[in-house]
């Protein structure tokens, strides 16, 4: 991967379930741009994504998720394929906790395997009459295979504007603990802001988002992203 892409290319953020679902399911998603924390993973192009998940009645779950990627000229990596396992807890009728570990892998080029890395995550949820509030944290001790500590903190809130129509507002900050090994456009960290509208129709889920970051690059500037997905339960 060239020096510029090492500073701004980022890895997939898993869309793990926020509620416990027992059984086998799969979600197929088509998006106008695969962005992770506001940075395009597909060189500002579209992506086709799919997941396969199994949830147990106890709250444990395992799954896998894949997407096409494009890290630009000089890098033929075209596939991201991730694996994860965790447990979802309903602590009270309003408070939930989701903890687990994920493993990201990349394929397509002779050096794509060098990018693989693990990540631990913790997600807190609080439901009230005002909607769903989330406080999420991700940490990797070998970010992008570079032996660098890296973490992401996110706060988000989802509320309904009408039956079947939701708005989600989120803010997150990505931070590298070793700028010599990994930096964000020359800095140790950056901010990401996102507002999205979510609805469903005839079994399809629609998501229209606008987002921006504090970085000034072609892959992280302000943009709109449209996604359409469908979940199948077996």
Foldseek 3Di string as FASTA:
>chain_A
DDPVLLQAAADADDPDDPDADAAKKKKKKKKQFRDDLQFGQALSGIKIKMKIKHGHPQFKIKIKMKMFGDSDPPDQWTMKIKIKIWGKDDPDVFKIKIWIKMWIFIDGDPCRRLQIFMKIKMKMWGQDPFFIKIWIKMWTCQHRNQSWIKMKIKIKGKGAPDVQKIKMKMKMKIATPDVVRYHHLSHRMKMKIKMWMWGDDPQKIKIKMWMAMPDDDPRRGIDIMIMIMGMDGD
